[in-house]
């Protein structure tokens, strides 16, 4: 820590908890408490039951969880392929070219996600790319929204790479393709894993664009949470939200273990 005195450290930790608990931890804890509650007549939910999780892990909710997982994984893979390749290509461009690429990939996150959803809806509602009413229009929207983060993560990692490794491989007669696959990409693996985790988490929680695009047979879990709470089933919606958080955290934990091994390598 930048604070070296003992009283300063205690004051810093106290300030951290005073800001962290009310703003971040407490709302999440209330959601968890509501998922196990039967009524909410006071400041906090009360009563205890585990029945809400039976609805949150079966039927339409289980289908929505599977839909969210498939959408997030597919969008993350597509975002890594697109954003990572674009970052590698942009690194070889001149300054103006890199700025143009940066602006192109940052644009989807510079505007509200509902605008991206509307743009995708307009673009893919007419032949020859008629995807409206299919799962692919949702996956494409999620990919567009998260590709910027993959691009930025890989671009930042490329700037920090030591060119000595590539130069040494090239001096030994390695071809550019071999240098890319055997030298550059392994060095970028920790950043690729971090970008994958970020893209997955963002896709799992995306709602605004999804609400405009999802067909009835492809409803992700955030839409299910919104629909459940909109019908007045607050406690069941809280249980579904906890399931969403748990599933996302489990995948992020797995990705972090892969990233740790990649960093060690």
Protein backbone atom coordinates (compact mmCIF):
# COMPACT_ATOMS: atom_id res chain seq x y z
CA UNK A 1 0.00 0.00 0.00
CA UNK A 2 1.08 3.59 -0.60
CA UNK A 3 0.25 4.49 3.03
CA UNK A 4 3.12 3.37 5.28
CA UNK A 5 2.07 4.55 8.75
CA UNK A 6 -0.05 2.18 10.85
CA UNK A 7 -2.80 4.76 11.63
CA UNK A 8 -2.92 5.67 7.96
CA UNK A 9 -3.38 2.04 6.95
CA UNK A 10 -6.19 1.59 9.48
CA UNK A 11 -7.86 4.75 8.21
CA UNK A 12 -7.53 3.56 4.62
CA UNK A 13 -9.07 0.17 5.43
CA UNK A 14 -11.88 1.83 7.39
CA UNK A 15 -12.63 4.16 4.47
CA UNK A 16 -12.58 1.19 2.10
CA UNK A 17 -15.13 -0.76 4.12
CA UNK A 18 -17.31 2.30 4.63
CA UNK A 19 -17.49 2.72 0.84
CA UNK A 20 -17.43 -0.95 -0.17
CA UNK A 21 -20.10 -2.34 2.12
CA UNK A 22 -22.93 0.15 1.41
CA UNK A 23 -22.24 0.54 -2.31
CA UNK A 24 -21.26 -2.97 -3.40
CA UNK A 25 -21.55 -5.70 -0.78
CA UNK A 26 -24.81 -4.73 0.93
CA UNK A 27 -27.03 -4.73 -2.21
CA UNK A 28 -25.72 -8.17 -3.19
CA UNK A 29 -26.24 -9.49 0.35
CA UNK A 30 -29.81 -8.19 0.30
CA UNK A 31 -30.45 -10.07 -2.95
CA UNK A 32 -29.07 -13.26 -1.40
CA UNK A 33 -31.22 -12.75 1.71
CA UNK A 34 -34.32 -12.13 -0.43
CA UNK A 35 -33.73 -15.38 -2.32
CA UNK A 36 -34.20 -17.30 0.97
CA UNK A 37 -37.09 -15.18 2.29
CA UNK A 38 -40.87 -15.55 2.38
CA UNK A 39 -41.87 -11.93 3.00
CA UNK A 40 -40.50 -8.40 2.97
CA UNK A 41 -42.50 -6.11 5.20
CA UNK A 42 -39.65 -4.22 6.90
CA UNK A 43 -36.35 -2.74 5.88
CA UNK A 44 -34.93 -6.20 5.15
CA UNK A 45 -36.51 -9.46 3.92
CA UNK A 46 -37.50 -11.99 6.58
CA UNK A 47 -38.58 -15.61 6.88
CA UNK A 48 -36.59 -18.53 5.55
CA UNK A 49 -37.26 -20.92 2.69
CA UNK A 50 -35.25 -22.67 0.03
CA UNK A 51 -38.20 -23.28 -2.26
CA UNK A 52 -37.37 -20.36 -4.55
CA UNK A 53 -34.27 -22.19 -5.76
CA UNK A 54 -36.32 -25.11 -7.00
CA UNK A 55 -37.96 -22.73 -9.49
CA UNK A 56 -34.63 -21.01 -10.20
CA UNK A 57 -32.89 -24.25 -11.18
CA UNK A 58 -35.61 -25.98 -13.19
CA UNK A 59 -38.00 -25.41 -16.06
CA UNK A 60 -37.73 -22.12 -17.93
CA UNK A 61 -35.06 -20.77 -15.60
CA UNK A 62 -32.75 -23.71 -16.26
CA UNK A 63 -33.33 -23.33 -20.00
CA UNK A 64 -32.55 -19.60 -19.72
CA UNK A 65 -29.34 -20.37 -17.80
CA UNK A 66 -28.24 -22.76 -20.55
CA UNK A 67 -29.09 -20.13 -23.15
CA UNK A 68 -27.00 -17.52 -21.33
CA UNK A 69 -24.04 -19.86 -21.01
CA UNK A 70 -24.12 -20.84 -24.68
CA UNK A 71 -24.53 -17.22 -25.76
CA UNK A 72 -21.74 -15.96 -23.51
CA UNK A 73 -19.27 -18.69 -24.47
CA UNK A 74 -19.97 -18.31 -28.19
CA UNK A 75 -19.80 -14.50 -28.06
CA UNK A 76 -16.57 -14.64 -26.04
CA UNK A 77 -14.88 -16.99 -28.51
CA UNK A 78 -15.98 -14.88 -31.48
CA UNK A 79 -14.87 -11.70 -29.69
CA UNK A 80 -11.43 -13.16 -28.93
CA UNK A 81 -10.96 -14.29 -32.52
CA UNK A 82 -12.12 -10.98 -33.98
CA UNK A 83 -10.66 -8.59 -31.40
CA UNK A 84 -7.40 -10.50 -30.98
CA UNK A 85 -6.76 -10.77 -34.70
CA UNK A 86 -7.63 -7.09 -35.19
CA UNK A 87 -5.25 -6.10 -32.39
CA UNK A 88 -2.44 -8.10 -34.00
CA UNK A 89 -3.19 -6.47 -37.34
CA UNK A 90 -3.40 -2.98 -35.84
CA UNK A 91 0.02 -3.40 -34.21
CA UNK A 92 1.61 -3.47 -37.66
CA UNK A 93 -0.17 -0.32 -38.84
CA UNK A 94 1.05 3.24 -38.65
CA UNK A 95 -0.21 5.64 -36.02
CA UNK A 96 -3.23 6.87 -37.99
CA UNK A 97 -4.24 3.33 -38.90
CA UNK A 98 -4.10 2.24 -35.26
CA UNK A 99 -6.21 5.21 -34.21
CA UNK A 100 -8.81 4.32 -36.83
CA UNK A 101 -8.90 0.71 -35.61
CA UNK A 102 -9.18 1.85 -31.98
CA UNK A 103 -12.09 4.13 -32.83
CA UNK A 104 -13.84 1.38 -34.80
CA UNK A 105 -13.72 -1.13 -31.96
CA UNK A 106 -14.48 1.34 -29.16
CA UNK A 107 -17.58 2.69 -30.94
CA UNK A 108 -19.98 -0.09 -29.76
CA UNK A 109 -19.18 0.66 -26.10
CA UNK A 110 -19.23 4.42 -26.61
CA UNK A 111 -22.97 4.34 -27.35
CA UNK A 112 -25.78 2.81 -25.25
CA UNK A 113 -26.17 -0.93 -25.77
CA UNK A 114 -29.81 -0.43 -26.74
CA UNK A 115 -28.54 1.53 -29.77
CA UNK A 116 -26.35 -1.42 -30.72
CA UNK A 117 -29.37 -3.70 -30.36
CA UNK A 118 -31.44 -1.48 -32.64
CA UNK A 119 -28.63 -1.31 -35.20
CA UNK A 120 -28.32 -5.10 -35.26
CA UNK A 121 -32.09 -5.46 -35.52
CA UNK A 122 -32.25 -3.12 -38.52
CA UNK A 123 -29.18 -4.65 -40.18
CA UNK A 124 -30.29 -8.28 -39.94
CA UNK A 125 -34.03 -8.04 -40.49
CA UNK A 126 -33.89 -8.05 -44.29
CA UNK A 127 -32.46 -10.51 -46.85
CA UNK A 128 -29.81 -11.59 -47.59
CA UNK A 129 -28.86 -11.61 -43.86
CA UNK A 130 -32.24 -12.38 -42.32
CA UNK A 131 -31.40 -13.35 -38.75
CA UNK A 132 -34.28 -11.69 -36.91
CA UNK A 133 -36.10 -14.26 -34.78
CA UNK A 134 -33.08 -16.56 -34.47
CA UNK A 135 -30.54 -17.10 -31.72
CA UNK A 136 -27.76 -15.81 -33.93
CA UNK A 137 -28.96 -12.22 -33.83
CA UNK A 138 -28.57 -12.27 -30.03
CA UNK A 139 -25.12 -13.85 -30.25
CA UNK A 140 -24.00 -11.29 -32.86
CA UNK A 141 -25.19 -8.41 -30.68
CA UNK A 142 -23.32 -9.79 -27.65
CA UNK A 143 -20.21 -10.31 -29.77
CA UNK A 144 -20.28 -6.71 -31.00
CA UNK A 145 -20.68 -5.41 -27.45
CA UNK A 146 -17.80 -7.39 -25.93
CA UNK A 147 -15.30 -7.43 -28.81
CA UNK A 148 -14.05 -3.96 -27.82
CA UNK A 149 -12.81 -5.31 -24.49
CA UNK A 150 -10.99 -8.21 -26.16
CA UNK A 151 -9.40 -5.81 -28.63
CA UNK A 152 -8.26 -3.37 -25.96
CA UNK A 153 -6.88 -6.10 -23.70
CA UNK A 154 -4.83 -7.73 -26.46
CA UNK A 155 -3.69 -4.35 -27.82
CA UNK A 156 -2.39 -3.33 -24.39
CA UNK A 157 -0.56 -6.66 -24.04
CA UNK A 158 1.06 -6.33 -27.47
CA UNK A 159 2.49 -2.93 -26.52
CA UNK A 160 4.15 -4.50 -23.45
CA UNK A 161 5.67 -7.42 -25.36
CA UNK A 162 9.45 -7.46 -25.59
CA UNK A 163 10.30 -7.67 -29.32
CA UNK A 164 13.53 -9.55 -28.49
CA UNK A 165 11.69 -12.90 -28.47
CA UNK A 166 10.28 -12.42 -31.96
CA UNK A 167 13.58 -11.08 -33.26
CA UNK A 168 15.46 -14.06 -31.84
CA UNK A 169 13.04 -16.53 -33.43
CA UNK A 170 13.21 -14.71 -36.77
CA UNK A 171 17.02 -14.63 -36.65
CA UNK A 172 17.00 -18.42 -36.27
CA UNK A 173 15.04 -18.75 -39.48
CA UNK A 174 11.49 -19.02 -38.13
CA UNK A 175 8.80 -17.92 -40.54
CA UNK A 176 6.29 -15.19 -39.51
CA UNK A 177 3.47 -17.72 -39.08
CA UNK A 178 5.65 -19.86 -36.82
CA UNK A 179 6.69 -16.82 -34.77
CA UNK A 180 3.04 -15.87 -34.37
CA UNK A 181 1.82 -19.30 -33.21
CA UNK A 182 4.83 -20.45 -31.22
CA UNK A 183 6.19 -17.21 -29.77
CA UNK A 184 3.72 -14.32 -29.83
CA UNK A 185 0.45 -16.05 -28.99
CA UNK A 186 1.88 -17.98 -26.01
CA UNK A 187 3.16 -14.69 -24.61
CA UNK A 188 -0.29 -13.18 -25.09
CA UNK A 189 -2.10 -16.13 -23.50
CA UNK A 190 -2.58 -14.49 -20.05
CA UNK A 191 -4.14 -11.42 -21.67
CA UNK A 192 -6.33 -13.60 -23.90
CA UNK A 193 -7.58 -15.50 -20.86
CA UNK A 194 -8.29 -12.27 -18.99
CA UNK A 195 -10.17 -10.90 -22.00
CA UNK A 196 -12.17 -14.13 -22.25
CA UNK A 197 -13.28 -13.84 -18.63
CA UNK A 198 -14.27 -10.20 -19.03
CA UNK A 199 -16.20 -10.87 -22.25
CA UNK A 200 -18.00 -13.80 -20.64
CA UNK A 201 -19.03 -11.81 -17.57
CA UNK A 202 -20.29 -8.87 -19.64
CA UNK A 203 -22.27 -11.15 -21.94
CA UNK A 204 -23.87 -13.00 -19.02
CA UNK A 205 -25.22 -9.73 -17.63
CA UNK A 206 -26.27 -8.04 -20.88
CA UNK A 207 -29.94 -7.01 -20.90
CA UNK A 208 -30.69 -3.83 -22.89
CA UNK A 209 -29.75 -5.03 -26.37
CA UNK A 210 -31.01 -8.54 -25.62
CA UNK A 211 -34.49 -7.27 -24.77
CA UNK A 212 -34.82 -5.88 -28.30
CA UNK A 213 -33.61 -9.00 -30.08
CA UNK A 214 -34.30 -12.26 -28.29
CA UNK A 215 -36.78 -14.72 -29.86
CA UNK A 216 -39.20 -16.64 -27.60
CA UNK A 217 -37.12 -19.82 -27.80
CA UNK A 218 -33.83 -18.07 -26.90
CA UNK A 219 -34.38 -16.15 -23.67
CA UNK A 220 -31.17 -15.49 -21.68
CA UNK A 221 -31.25 -15.48 -17.90
CA UNK A 222 -31.17 -11.66 -17.38
CA UNK A 223 -34.37 -11.41 -19.43
CA UNK A 224 -35.86 -14.22 -17.32
CA UNK A 225 -34.98 -12.29 -14.16
CA UNK A 226 -36.59 -9.13 -15.53
CA UNK A 227 -39.75 -11.02 -16.57
CA UNK A 228 -40.01 -12.80 -13.20
CA UNK A 229 -39.64 -9.66 -11.10
CA UNK A 230 -41.96 -7.74 -13.44
CA UNK A 231 -44.69 -10.27 -12.61
CA UNK A 232 -44.17 -9.54 -8.92
CA UNK A 233 -42.17 -12.69 -8.03
CA UNK A 234 -39.39 -10.77 -6.35
CA UNK A 235 -38.07 -13.64 -4.24
CA UNK A 236 -37.92 -16.09 -7.13
CA UNK A 237 -36.25 -13.41 -9.25
CA UNK A 238 -33.67 -12.92 -6.48
CA UNK A 239 -32.97 -16.65 -6.45
CA UNK A 240 -32.48 -16.65 -10.24
CA UNK A 241 -30.14 -13.66 -9.88
CA UNK A 242 -28.06 -15.58 -7.31
CA UNK A 243 -27.89 -18.53 -9.72
CA UNK A 244 -26.69 -16.13 -12.44
CA UNK A 245 -24.01 -14.70 -10.15
CA UNK A 246 -22.88 -18.16 -9.03
CA UNK A 247 -22.63 -19.50 -12.59
CA UNK A 248 -20.66 -16.45 -13.72
CA UNK A 249 -18.29 -16.59 -10.76
CA UNK A 250 -17.63 -20.31 -11.27
CA UNK A 251 -16.67 -19.76 -14.90
CA UNK A 252 -14.50 -16.76 -13.97
CA UNK A 253 -12.79 -18.86 -11.30
CA UNK A 254 -11.99 -21.53 -13.89
CA UNK A 255 -10.67 -18.88 -16.29
CA UNK A 256 -8.53 -17.33 -13.55
CA UNK A 257 -6.89 -20.70 -12.87
CA UNK A 258 -6.07 -21.04 -16.56
CA UNK A 259 -4.69 -17.48 -16.56
CA UNK A 260 -2.51 -18.26 -13.54
CA UNK A 261 -1.01 -21.30 -15.26
CA UNK A 262 -0.48 -19.27 -18.44
CA UNK A 263 1.28 -16.51 -16.50
CA UNK A 264 3.53 -19.06 -14.79
CA UNK A 265 4.35 -20.57 -18.15
